[in-house]
PDB file of N, CA and C in Angstrom:
ATOM      1  N   MET A   1       9.722 -21.496 -15.018  1.00  0.00           N
ATOM      2  CA  MET A   1       9.184 -22.513 -14.160  1.00  0.00           C
ATOM      3  C   MET A   1       9.649 -22.253 -12.733  1.00  0.00           C
ATOM      4  N   MET A   2       8.730 -22.386 -11.812  1.00  0.00           N
ATOM      5  CA  MET A   2       9.035 -22.095 -10.412  1.00  0.00           C
ATOM      6  C   MET A   2       9.157 -23.397  -9.625  1.00  0.00           C
ATOM      7  N   VAL A   3      10.208 -23.487  -8.876  1.00  0.00           N
ATOM      8  CA  VAL A   3      10.428 -24.680  -8.059  1.00  0.00           C
ATOM      9  C   VAL A   3      10.049 -24.346  -6.620  1.00  0.00           C
ATOM     10  N   ILE A   4       9.151 -25.124  -6.053  1.00  0.00           N
ATOM     11  CA  ILE A   4       8.729 -24.916  -4.675  1.00  0.00           C
ATOM     12  C   ILE A   4       9.505 -25.883  -3.791  1.00  0.00           C
ATOM     13  N   THR A   5      10.230 -25.331  -2.861  1.00  0.00           N
ATOM     14  CA  THR A   5      11.004 -26.150  -1.924  1.00  0.00           C
ATOM     15  C   THR A   5      10.418 -25.994  -0.532  1.00  0.00           C
ATOM     16  N   GLU A   6      10.880 -26.835   0.362  1.00  0.00           N
ATOM     17  CA  GLU A   6      10.410 -26.731   1.748  1.00  0.00           C
ATOM     18  C   GLU A   6      10.942 -25.457   2.374  1.00  0.00           C
ATOM     19  N   LEU A   7      10.086 -24.814   3.152  1.00  0.00           N
ATOM     20  CA  LEU A   7      10.500 -23.602   3.847  1.00  0.00           C
ATOM     21  C   LEU A   7      11.204 -23.961   5.143  1.00  0.00           C
ATOM     22  N   GLU A   8      12.203 -23.211   5.455  1.00  0.00           N
ATOM     23  CA  GLU A   8      12.922 -23.400   6.711  1.00  0.00           C
ATOM     24  C   GLU A   8      12.172 -22.667   7.821  1.00  0.00           C
ATOM     25  N   PRO A   9      12.073 -23.260   8.993  1.00  0.00           N
ATOM     26  CA  PRO A   9      11.436 -22.526  10.099  1.00  0.00           C
ATOM     27  C   PRO A   9      12.304 -21.328  10.489  1.00  0.00           C
ATOM     28  N   PRO A  10      11.679 -20.284  11.013  1.00  0.00           N
ATOM     29  CA  PRO A  10      12.471 -19.122  11.404  1.00  0.00           C
ATOM     30  C   PRO A  10      13.444 -19.473  12.525  1.00  0.00           C
ATOM     31  N   SER A  11      14.554 -18.773  12.559  1.00  0.00           N
ATOM     32  CA  SER A  11      15.550 -19.050  13.593  1.00  0.00           C
ATOM     33  C   SER A  11      15.054 -18.554  14.948  1.00  0.00           C
ATOM     34  N   LYS A  12      15.532 -19.201  15.990  1.00  0.00           N
ATOM     35  CA  LYS A  12      15.144 -18.795  17.337  1.00  0.00           C
ATOM     36  C   LYS A  12      15.689 -17.414  17.667  1.00  0.00           C
ATOM     37  N   ASP A  13      16.874 -17.103  17.181  1.00  0.00           N
ATOM     38  CA  ASP A  13      17.444 -15.776  17.433  1.00  0.00           C
ATOM     39  C   ASP A  13      16.584 -14.686  16.813  1.00  0.00           C
ATOM     40  N   GLY A  14      16.047 -14.956  15.633  1.00  0.00           N
ATOM     41  CA  GLY A  14      15.175 -13.984  14.985  1.00  0.00           C
ATOM     42  C   GLY A  14      13.906 -13.743  15.783  1.00  0.00           C
ATOM     43  N   LYS A  15      13.333 -14.801  16.344  1.00  0.00           N
ATOM     44  CA  LYS A  15      12.132 -14.667  17.179  1.00  0.00           C
ATOM     45  C   LYS A  15      12.441 -13.819  18.411  1.00  0.00           C
ATOM     46  N   VAL A  16      13.591 -14.074  19.030  1.00  0.00           N
ATOM     47  CA  VAL A  16      13.973 -13.329  20.238  1.00  0.00           C
ATOM     48  C   VAL A  16      14.099 -11.843  19.919  1.00  0.00           C
ATOM     49  N   VAL A  17      14.790 -11.522  18.846  1.00  0.00           N
ATOM     50  CA  VAL A  17      14.970 -10.111  18.469  1.00  0.00           C
ATOM     51  C   VAL A  17      13.621  -9.463  18.179  1.00  0.00           C
ATOM     52  N   TRP A  18      12.769 -10.157  17.432  1.00  0.00           N
ATOM     53  CA  TRP A  18      11.452  -9.630  17.088  1.00  0.00           C
ATOM     54  C   TRP A  18      10.630  -9.348  18.353  1.00  0.00           C
ATOM     55  N   LEU A  19      10.630 -10.271  19.300  1.00  0.00           N
ATOM     56  CA  LEU A  19       9.859 -10.087  20.532  1.00  0.00           C
ATOM     57  C   LEU A  19      10.454  -8.982  21.406  1.00  0.00           C
ATOM     58  N   ILE A  20      11.767  -8.841  21.419  1.00  0.00           N
ATOM     59  CA  ILE A  20      12.386  -7.760  22.188  1.00  0.00           C
ATOM     60  C   ILE A  20      12.042  -6.408  21.580  1.00  0.00           C
ATOM     61  N   VAL A  21      12.023  -6.316  20.257  1.00  0.00           N
ATOM     62  CA  VAL A  21      11.637  -5.063  19.599  1.00  0.00           C
ATOM     63  C   VAL A  21      10.212  -4.690  19.989  1.00  0.00           C
ATOM     64  N   TRP A  22       9.297  -5.658  19.985  1.00  0.00           N
ATOM     65  CA  TRP A  22       7.929  -5.377  20.404  1.00  0.00           C
ATOM     66  C   TRP A  22       7.862  -5.033  21.899  1.00  0.00           C
ATOM     67  N   GLY A  23       8.704  -5.652  22.706  1.00  0.00           N
ATOM     68  CA  GLY A  23       8.757  -5.306  24.127  1.00  0.00           C
ATOM     69  C   GLY A  23       9.196  -3.868  24.338  1.00  0.00           C
ATOM     70  N   ILE A  24      10.188  -3.430  23.596  1.00  0.00           N
ATOM     71  CA  ILE A  24      10.645  -2.037  23.698  1.00  0.00           C
ATOM     72  C   ILE A  24       9.554  -1.087  23.229  1.00  0.00           C
ATOM     73  N   PHE A  25       8.883  -1.443  22.134  1.00  0.00           N
ATOM     74  CA  PHE A  25       7.800  -0.602  21.624  1.00  0.00           C
ATOM     75  C   PHE A  25       6.680  -0.448  22.651  1.00  0.00           C
ATOM     76  N   THR A  26       6.271  -1.561  23.284  1.00  0.00           N
ATOM     77  CA  THR A  26       5.205  -1.467  24.275  1.00  0.00           C
ATOM     78  C   THR A  26       5.680  -0.759  25.543  1.00  0.00           C
ATOM     79  N   LEU A  27       6.972  -0.861  25.863  1.00  0.00           N
ATOM     80  CA  LEU A  27       7.513  -0.115  26.998  1.00  0.00           C
ATOM     81  C   LEU A  27       7.407   1.383  26.742  1.00  0.00           C
ATOM     82  N   LEU A  28       7.720   1.815  25.539  1.00  0.00           N
ATOM     83  CA  LEU A  28       7.592   3.227  25.192  1.00  0.00           C
ATOM     84  C   LEU A  28       6.129   3.664  25.234  1.00  0.00           C
ATOM     85  N   ASN A  29       5.237   2.789  24.794  1.00  0.00           N
ATOM     86  CA  ASN A  29       3.809   3.103  24.895  1.00  0.00           C
ATOM     87  C   ASN A  29       3.354   3.155  26.351  1.00  0.00           C
ATOM     88  N   LEU A  30       3.927   2.314  27.199  1.00  0.00           N
ATOM     89  CA  LEU A  30       3.614   2.343  28.628  1.00  0.00           C
ATOM     90  C   LEU A  30       3.973   3.700  29.213  1.00  0.00           C
ATOM     91  N   ILE A  31       5.116   4.224  28.834  1.00  0.00           N
ATOM     92  CA  ILE A  31       5.510   5.554  29.307  1.00  0.00           C
ATOM     93  C   ILE A  31       4.478   6.589  28.871  1.00  0.00           C
ATOM     94  N   GLY A  32       3.963   6.421  27.660  1.00  0.00           N
ATOM     95  CA  GLY A  32       2.935   7.342  27.162  1.00  0.00           C
ATOM     96  C   GLY A  32       1.611   7.233  27.886  1.00  0.00           C
ATOM     97  N   THR A  33       1.359   6.125  28.585  1.00  0.00           N
ATOM     98  CA  THR A  33       0.081   5.958  29.285  1.00  0.00           C
ATOM     99  C   THR A  33       0.120   6.440  30.728  1.00  0.00           C
ATOM    100  N   LEU A  34       1.203   7.042  31.155  1.00  0.00           N
ATOM    101  CA  LEU A  34       1.318   7.426  32.565  1.00  0.00           C
ATOM    102  C   LEU A  34       0.295   8.483  32.985  1.00  0.00           C
ATOM    103  N   ASN A  35      -0.299   9.181  32.032  1.00  0.00           N
ATOM    104  CA  ASN A  35      -1.373  10.123  32.352  1.00  0.00           C
ATOM    105  C   ASN A  35      -2.751   9.518  32.118  1.00  0.00           C
ATOM    106  N   ALA A  36      -2.811   8.273  31.690  1.00  0.00           N
ATOM    107  CA  ALA A  36      -4.083   7.591  31.465  1.00  0.00           C
ATOM    108  C   ALA A  36      -4.516   6.890  32.750  1.00  0.00           C
ATOM    109  N   ASN A  37      -5.664   6.244  32.685  1.00  0.00           N
ATOM    110  CA  ASN A  37      -6.156   5.567  33.887  1.00  0.00           C
ATOM    111  C   ASN A  37      -5.307   4.344  34.222  1.00  0.00           C
ATOM    112  N   ARG A  38      -5.483   3.843  35.421  1.00  0.00           N
ATOM    113  CA  ARG A  38      -4.638   2.762  35.944  1.00  0.00           C
ATOM    114  C   ARG A  38      -4.811   1.442  35.183  1.00  0.00           C
ATOM    115  N   VAL A  39      -5.995   1.186  34.693  1.00  0.00           N
ATOM    116  CA  VAL A  39      -6.206  -0.072  33.982  1.00  0.00           C
ATOM    117  C   VAL A  39      -5.453  -0.052  32.647  1.00  0.00           C
ATOM    118  N   VAL A  40      -5.434   1.071  31.965  1.00  0.00           N
ATOM    119  CA  VAL A  40      -4.650   1.188  30.724  1.00  0.00           C
ATOM    120  C   VAL A  40      -3.175   0.974  31.039  1.00  0.00           C
ATOM    121  N   GLN A  41      -2.711   1.553  32.125  1.00  0.00           N
ATOM    122  CA  GLN A  41      -1.319   1.369  32.527  1.00  0.00           C
ATOM    123  C   GLN A  41      -1.033  -0.103  32.811  1.00  0.00           C
ATOM    124  N   PHE A  42      -1.966  -0.780  33.473  1.00  0.00           N
ATOM    125  CA  PHE A  42      -1.772  -2.199  33.778  1.00  0.00           C
ATOM    126  C   PHE A  42      -1.741  -3.038  32.504  1.00  0.00           C
ATOM    127  N   VAL A  43      -2.616  -2.716  31.556  1.00  0.00           N
ATOM    128  CA  VAL A  43      -2.634  -3.460  30.291  1.00  0.00           C
ATOM    129  C   VAL A  43      -1.279  -3.332  29.596  1.00  0.00           C
ATOM    130  N   PHE A  44      -0.750  -2.113  29.510  1.00  0.00           N
ATOM    131  CA  PHE A  44       0.524  -1.932  28.823  1.00  0.00           C
ATOM    132  C   PHE A  44       1.701  -2.491  29.623  1.00  0.00           C
ATOM    133  N   ALA A  45       1.632  -2.423  30.944  1.00  0.00           N
ATOM    134  CA  ALA A  45       2.703  -3.012  31.757  1.00  0.00           C
ATOM    135  C   ALA A  45       2.717  -4.532  31.599  1.00  0.00           C
ATOM    136  N   SER A  46       1.547  -5.145  31.626  1.00  0.00           N
ATOM    137  CA  SER A  46       1.500  -6.601  31.470  1.00  0.00           C
ATOM    138  C   SER A  46       1.851  -7.016  30.042  1.00  0.00           C
ATOM    139  N   LEU A  47       1.508  -6.192  29.056  1.00  0.00           N
ATOM    140  CA  LEU A  47       1.880  -6.499  27.677  1.00  0.00           C
ATOM    141  C   LEU A  47       3.388  -6.397  27.476  1.00  0.00           C
ATOM    142  N   THR A  48       3.997  -5.395  28.106  1.00  0.00           N
ATOM    143  CA  THR A  48       5.455  -5.268  28.044  1.00  0.00           C
ATOM    144  C   THR A  48       6.119  -6.483  28.681  1.00  0.00           C
ATOM    145  N   ALA A  49       5.644  -6.863  29.860  1.00  0.00           N
ATOM    146  CA  ALA A  49       6.191  -8.057  30.525  1.00  0.00           C
ATOM    147  C   ALA A  49       5.983  -9.298  29.662  1.00  0.00           C
ATOM    148  N   LEU A  50       4.828  -9.380  29.015  1.00  0.00           N
ATOM    149  CA  LEU A  50       4.531 -10.532  28.167  1.00  0.00           C
ATOM    150  C   LEU A  50       5.536 -10.660  27.032  1.00  0.00           C
ATOM    151  N   PHE A  51       5.826  -9.570  26.334  1.00  0.00           N
ATOM    152  CA  PHE A  51       6.765  -9.661  25.214  1.00  0.00           C
ATOM    153  C   PHE A  51       8.166 -10.052  25.680  1.00  0.00           C
ATOM    154  N   PHE A  52       8.618  -9.480  26.797  1.00  0.00           N
ATOM    155  CA  PHE A  52       9.945  -9.849  27.281  1.00  0.00           C
ATOM    156  C   PHE A  52       9.987 -11.286  27.792  1.00  0.00           C
ATOM    157  N   LEU A  53       8.895 -11.739  28.410  1.00  0.00           N
ATOM    158  CA  LEU A  53       8.842 -13.140  28.842  1.00  0.00           C
ATOM    159  C   LEU A  53       8.791 -14.097  27.644  1.00  0.00           C
ATOM    160  N   LEU A  54       8.057 -13.708  26.613  1.00  0.00           N
ATOM    161  CA  LEU A  54       8.035 -14.537  25.412  1.00  0.00           C
ATOM    162  C   LEU A  54       9.416 -14.615  24.774  1.00  0.00           C
ATOM    163  N   ALA A  55      10.148 -13.499  24.782  1.00  0.00           N
ATOM    164  CA  ALA A  55      11.512 -13.513  24.240  1.00  0.00           C
ATOM    165  C   ALA A  55      12.400 -14.444  25.067  1.00  0.00           C
ATOM    166  N   ALA A  56      12.265 -14.370  26.391  1.00  0.00           N
ATOM    167  CA  ALA A  56      13.064 -15.245  27.253  1.00  0.00           C
ATOM    168  C   ALA A  56      12.603 -16.697  27.137  1.00  0.00           C
ATOM    169  N   GLY A  57      11.343 -16.896  26.813  1.00  0.00           N
ATOM    170  CA  GLY A  57      10.787 -18.237  26.737  1.00  0.00           C
ATOM    171  C   GLY A  57      11.053 -18.974  25.442  1.00  0.00           C
ATOM    172  N   VAL A  58      11.678 -18.308  24.483  1.00  0.00           N
ATOM    173  CA  VAL A  58      11.991 -18.991  23.223  1.00  0.00           C
ATOM    174  C   VAL A  58      12.891 -20.197  23.479  1.00  0.00           C
ATOM    175  N   ASN A  59      13.793 -20.069  24.416  1.00  0.00           N
ATOM    176  CA  ASN A  59      14.723 -21.156  24.726  1.00  0.00           C
ATOM    177  C   ASN A  59      14.450 -21.827  26.069  1.00  0.00           C
ATOM    178  N   ASN A  60      13.343 -21.484  26.721  1.00  0.00           N
ATOM    179  CA  ASN A  60      13.051 -22.041  28.038  1.00  0.00           C
ATOM    180  C   ASN A  60      11.549 -22.299  28.136  1.00  0.00           C
ATOM    181  N   ALA A  61      11.168 -23.558  28.195  1.00  0.00           N
ATOM    182  CA  ALA A  61       9.752 -23.926  28.180  1.00  0.00           C
ATOM    183  C   ALA A  61       9.007 -23.433  29.419  1.00  0.00           C
ATOM    184  N   ASP A  62       9.653 -23.419  30.583  1.00  0.00           N
ATOM    185  CA  ASP A  62       8.985 -22.974  31.805  1.00  0.00           C
ATOM    186  C   ASP A  62       8.641 -21.490  31.735  1.00  0.00           C
ATOM    187  N   ILE A  63       9.551 -20.692  31.232  1.00  0.00           N
ATOM    188  CA  ILE A  63       9.282 -19.264  31.081  1.00  0.00           C
ATOM    189  C   ILE A  63       8.208 -19.043  30.027  1.00  0.00           C
ATOM    190  N   HIS A  64       8.193 -19.886  29.014  1.00  0.00           N
ATOM    191  CA  HIS A  64       7.175 -19.773  27.978  1.00  0.00           C
ATOM    192  C   HIS A  64       5.783 -20.034  28.553  1.00  0.00           C
ATOM    193  N   VAL A  65       5.671 -21.001  29.455  1.00  0.00           N
ATOM    194  CA  VAL A  65       4.396 -21.279  30.121  1.00  0.00           C
ATOM    195  C   VAL A  65       3.995 -20.094  30.995  1.00  0.00           C
ATOM    196  N   LEU A  66       4.953 -19.533  31.740  1.00  0.00           N
ATOM    197  CA  LEU A  66       4.679 -18.352  32.551  1.00  0.00           C
ATOM    198  C   LEU A  66       4.191 -17.199  31.672  1.00  0.00           C
ATOM    199  N   ALA A  67       4.800 -17.035  30.520  1.00  0.00           N
ATOM    200  CA  ALA A  67       4.364 -15.992  29.584  1.00  0.00           C
ATOM    201  C   ALA A  67       2.923 -16.229  29.147  1.00  0.00           C
ATOM    202  N   GLY A  68       2.542 -17.478  29.006  1.00  0.00           N
ATOM    203  CA  GLY A  68       1.160 -17.785  28.660  1.00  0.00           C
ATOM    204  C   GLY A  68       0.184 -17.306  29.720  1.00  0.00           C
ATOM    205  N   TYR A  69       0.538 -17.514  30.979  1.00  0.00           N
ATOM    206  CA  TYR A  69      -0.326 -17.039  32.065  1.00  0.00           C
ATOM    207  C   TYR A  69      -0.379 -15.517  32.105  1.00  0.00           C
ATOM    208  N   VAL A  70       0.759 -14.868  31.895  1.00  0.00           N
ATOM    209  CA  VAL A  70       0.787 -13.398  31.844  1.00  0.00           C
ATOM    210  C   VAL A  70      -0.069 -12.911  30.678  1.00  0.00           C
ATOM    211  N   GLY A  71      -0.031 -13.628  29.560  1.00  0.00           N
ATOM    212  CA  GLY A  71      -0.862 -13.272  28.413  1.00  0.00           C
ATOM    213  C   GLY A  71      -2.346 -13.366  28.719  1.00  0.00           C
ATOM    214  N   ILE A  72      -2.734 -14.374  29.483  1.00  0.00           N
ATOM    215  CA  ILE A  72      -4.138 -14.505  29.880  1.00  0.00           C
ATOM    216  C   ILE A  72      -4.551 -13.333  30.754  1.00  0.00           C
ATOM    217  N   VAL A  73      -3.692 -12.955  31.704  1.00  0.00           N
ATOM    218  CA  VAL A  73      -3.982 -11.810  32.577  1.00  0.00           C
ATOM    219  C   VAL A  73      -4.060 -10.526  31.754  1.00  0.00           C
ATOM    220  N   CYS A  74      -3.112 -10.347  30.840  1.00  0.00           N
ATOM    221  CA  CYS A  74      -3.084  -9.152  29.997  1.00  0.00           C
ATOM    222  C   CYS A  74      -4.349  -9.058  29.140  1.00  0.00           C
ATOM    223  N   GLY A  75      -4.685 -10.150  28.474  1.00  0.00           N
ATOM    224  CA  GLY A  75      -5.876 -10.147  27.630  1.00  0.00           C
ATOM    225  C   GLY A  75      -7.149  -9.936  28.424  1.00  0.00           C
ATOM    226  N   SER A  76      -7.234 -10.538  29.593  1.00  0.00           N
ATOM    227  CA  SER A  76      -8.419 -10.368  30.447  1.00  0.00           C
ATOM    228  C   SER A  76      -8.551  -8.923  30.912  1.00  0.00           C
ATOM    229  N   SER A  77      -7.433  -8.313  31.264  1.00  0.00           N
ATOM    230  CA  SER A  77      -7.498  -6.917  31.708  1.00  0.00           C
ATOM    231  C   SER A  77      -7.860  -5.991  30.549  1.00  0.00           C
ATOM    232  N   ALA A  78      -7.409  -6.310  29.344  1.00  0.00           N
ATOM    233  CA  ALA A  78      -7.780  -5.504  28.175  1.00  0.00           C
ATOM    234  C   ALA A  78      -9.271  -5.649  27.876  1.00  0.00           C
ATOM    235  N   LEU A  79      -9.799  -6.864  28.006  1.00  0.00           N
ATOM    236  CA  LEU A  79     -11.239  -7.060  27.824  1.00  0.00           C
ATOM    237  C   LEU A  79     -12.031  -6.291  28.874  1.00  0.00           C
ATOM    238  N   TYR A  80     -11.571  -6.341  30.126  1.00  0.00           N
ATOM    239  CA  TYR A  80     -12.248  -5.589  31.182  1.00  0.00           C
ATOM    240  C   TYR A  80     -12.217  -4.094  30.882  1.00  0.00           C
ATOM    241  N   LEU A  81     -11.069  -3.596  30.447  1.00  0.00           N
ATOM    242  CA  LEU A  81     -10.948  -2.175  30.143  1.00  0.00           C
ATOM    243  C   LEU A  81     -11.930  -1.763  29.059  1.00  0.00           C
ATOM    244  N   GLY A  82     -12.009  -2.534  27.990  1.00  0.00           N
ATOM    245  CA  GLY A  82     -12.948  -2.207  26.917  1.00  0.00           C
ATOM    246  C   GLY A  82     -14.383  -2.207  27.409  1.00  0.00           C
ATOM    247  N   TRP A  83     -14.735  -3.223  28.185  1.00  0.00           N
ATOM    248  CA  TRP A  83     -16.094  -3.318  28.721  1.00  0.00           C
ATOM    249  C   TRP A  83     -16.377  -2.163  29.691  1.00  0.00           C
ATOM    250  N   ALA A  84     -15.419  -1.856  30.572  1.00  0.00           N
ATOM    251  CA  ALA A  84     -15.614  -0.805  31.567  1.00  0.00           C
ATOM    252  C   ALA A  84     -15.747   0.563  30.897  1.00  0.00           C
ATOM    253  N   GLU A  85     -14.946   0.811  29.860  1.00  0.00           N
ATOM    254  CA  GLU A  85     -15.044   2.091  29.151  1.00  0.00           C
ATOM    255  C   GLU A  85     -16.434   2.261  28.532  1.00  0.00           C
ATOM    256  N   VAL A  86     -16.962   1.212  27.927  1.00  0.00           N
ATOM    257  CA  VAL A  86     -18.293   1.280  27.318  1.00  0.00           C
ATOM    258  C   VAL A  86     -19.358   1.484  28.393  1.00  0.00           C
ATOM    259  N   MET A  87     -19.280   0.725  29.478  1.00  0.00           N
ATOM    260  CA  MET A  87     -20.277   0.843  30.550  1.00  0.00           C
ATOM    261  C   MET A  87     -20.254   2.234  31.192  1.00  0.00           C
ATOM    262  N   ASN A  88     -19.051   2.755  31.426  1.00  0.00           N
ATOM    263  CA  ASN A  88     -18.944   4.092  32.022  1.00  0.00           C
ATOM    264  C   ASN A  88     -19.493   5.159  31.084  1.00  0.00           C
ATOM    265  N   GLU A  89     -19.229   5.003  29.802  1.00  0.00           N
ATOM    266  CA  GLU A  89     -19.730   5.981  28.831  1.00  0.00           C
ATOM    267  C   GLU A  89     -21.254   5.927  28.736  1.00  0.00           C
ATOM    268  N   LEU A  90     -21.803   4.739  28.711  1.00  0.00           N
ATOM    269  CA  LEU A  90     -23.256   4.605  28.626  1.00  0.00           C
ATOM    270  C   LEU A  90     -23.951   5.100  29.885  1.00  0.00           C
ATOM    271  N   ALA A  91     -23.326   4.875  31.043  1.00  0.00           N
ATOM    272  CA  ALA A  91     -23.924   5.307  32.307  1.00  0.00           C
ATOM    273  C   ALA A  91     -23.720   6.795  32.556  1.00  0.00           C
ATOM    274  N   GLY A  92     -22.734   7.390  31.905  1.00  0.00           N
ATOM    275  CA  GLY A  92     -22.461   8.806  32.132  1.00  0.00           C
ATOM    276  C   GLY A  92     -21.750   9.077  33.447  1.00  0.00           C
ATOM    277  N   ARG A  93     -21.255   8.041  34.067  1.00  0.00           N
ATOM    278  CA  ARG A  93     -20.517   8.168  35.334  1.00  0.00           C
ATOM    279  C   ARG A  93     -19.607   6.952  35.451  1.00  0.00           C
ATOM    280  N   GLU A  94     -18.771   6.944  36.507  1.00  0.00           N
ATOM    281  CA  GLU A  94     -17.883   5.794  36.693  1.00  0.00           C
ATOM    282  C   GLU A  94     -18.647   4.650  37.338  1.00  0.00           C
ATOM    283  N   LEU A  95     -19.147   3.788  36.515  1.00  0.00           N
ATOM    284  CA  LEU A  95     -19.871   2.610  36.971  1.00  0.00           C
ATOM    285  C   LEU A  95     -18.891   1.476  37.287  1.00  0.00           C
ATOM    286  N   CYS A  96     -17.873   1.332  36.454  1.00  0.00           N
ATOM    287  CA  CYS A  96     -16.834   0.312  36.626  1.00  0.00           C
ATOM    288  C   CYS A  96     -15.518   1.022  36.917  1.00  0.00           C
ATOM    289  N   TYR A  97     -14.805   0.556  37.915  1.00  0.00           N
ATOM    290  CA  TYR A  97     -13.567   1.197  38.332  1.00  0.00           C
ATOM    291  C   TYR A  97     -12.481   1.026  37.281  1.00  0.00           C
ATOM    292  N   ILE A  98     -11.888   2.145  36.873  1.00  0.00           N
ATOM    293  CA  ILE A  98     -10.751   2.097  35.954  1.00  0.00           C
ATOM    294  C   ILE A  98      -9.543   2.848  36.513  1.00  0.00           C
ATOM    295  N   GLY A  99      -9.667   3.392  37.691  1.00  0.00           N
ATOM    296  CA  GLY A  99      -8.530   4.013  38.362  1.00  0.00           C
ATOM    297  C   GLY A  99      -8.046   5.298  37.730  1.00  0.00           C
ATOM    298  N   PRO A 100      -8.833   6.357  37.829  1.00  0.00           N
ATOM    299  CA  PRO A 100      -8.382   7.623  37.231  1.00  0.00           C
ATOM    300  C   PRO A 100      -7.106   8.139  37.892  1.00  0.00           C
ATOM    301  N   VAL A 101      -6.282   8.812  37.106  1.00  0.00           N
ATOM    302  CA  VAL A 101      -5.027   9.369  37.603  1.00  0.00           C
ATOM    303  C   VAL A 101      -5.299  10.744  38.189  1.00  0.00           C
ATOM    304  N   LYS A 102      -4.859  10.956  39.424  1.00  0.00           N
ATOM    305  CA  LYS A 102      -5.078  12.244  40.083  1.00  0.00           C
ATOM    306  C   LYS A 102      -3.912  13.194  39.846  1.00  0.00           C
ATOM    307  N   ASN A 103      -2.692  12.675  39.874  1.00  0.00           N
ATOM    308  CA  ASN A 103      -1.499  13.505  39.671  1.00  0.00           C
ATOM    309  C   ASN A 103      -0.907  13.195  38.300  1.00  0.00           C
ATOM    310  N   LYS A 104      -0.975  14.177  37.417  1.00  0.00           N
ATOM    311  CA  LYS A 104      -0.445  13.992  36.064  1.00  0.00           C
ATOM    312  C   LYS A 104       1.080  13.966  36.100  1.00  0.00           C
ATOM    313  N   VAL A 105       1.673  13.076  35.324  1.00  0.00           N
ATOM    314  CA  VAL A 105       3.126  12.938  35.266  1.00  0.00           C
ATOM    315  C   VAL A 105       3.720  13.975  34.334  1.00  0.00           C
ATOM    316  N   PHE A 106       3.084  14.174  33.176  1.00  0.00           N
ATOM    317  CA  PHE A 106       3.605  15.115  32.186  1.00  0.00           C
ATOM    318  C   PHE A 106       2.793  16.385  32.193  1.00  0.00           C
TER     319      PHE A 106
END
């Protein structure tokens, strides 16, 4: 026989660690995008900032609200990037600006 009890909410420390791990992961991915176009770099930079702000916002409501705004900017830029990539591919030229990289880092 199985007894179902109430679940405990996750600890705040666990949320902070989880969000910091994702922040580090996206930071490493940001480094990998340094040879990609500028919009991809912006998406990963804003996503990295978002995860670290969310980690800081676990215990601070004002920072959590700021993270929400950064998330809106990040998501909007990712939507623009997806749309611009499709439009540029269909047009066969740069119809929408995505900021090509002229000097390769690696």
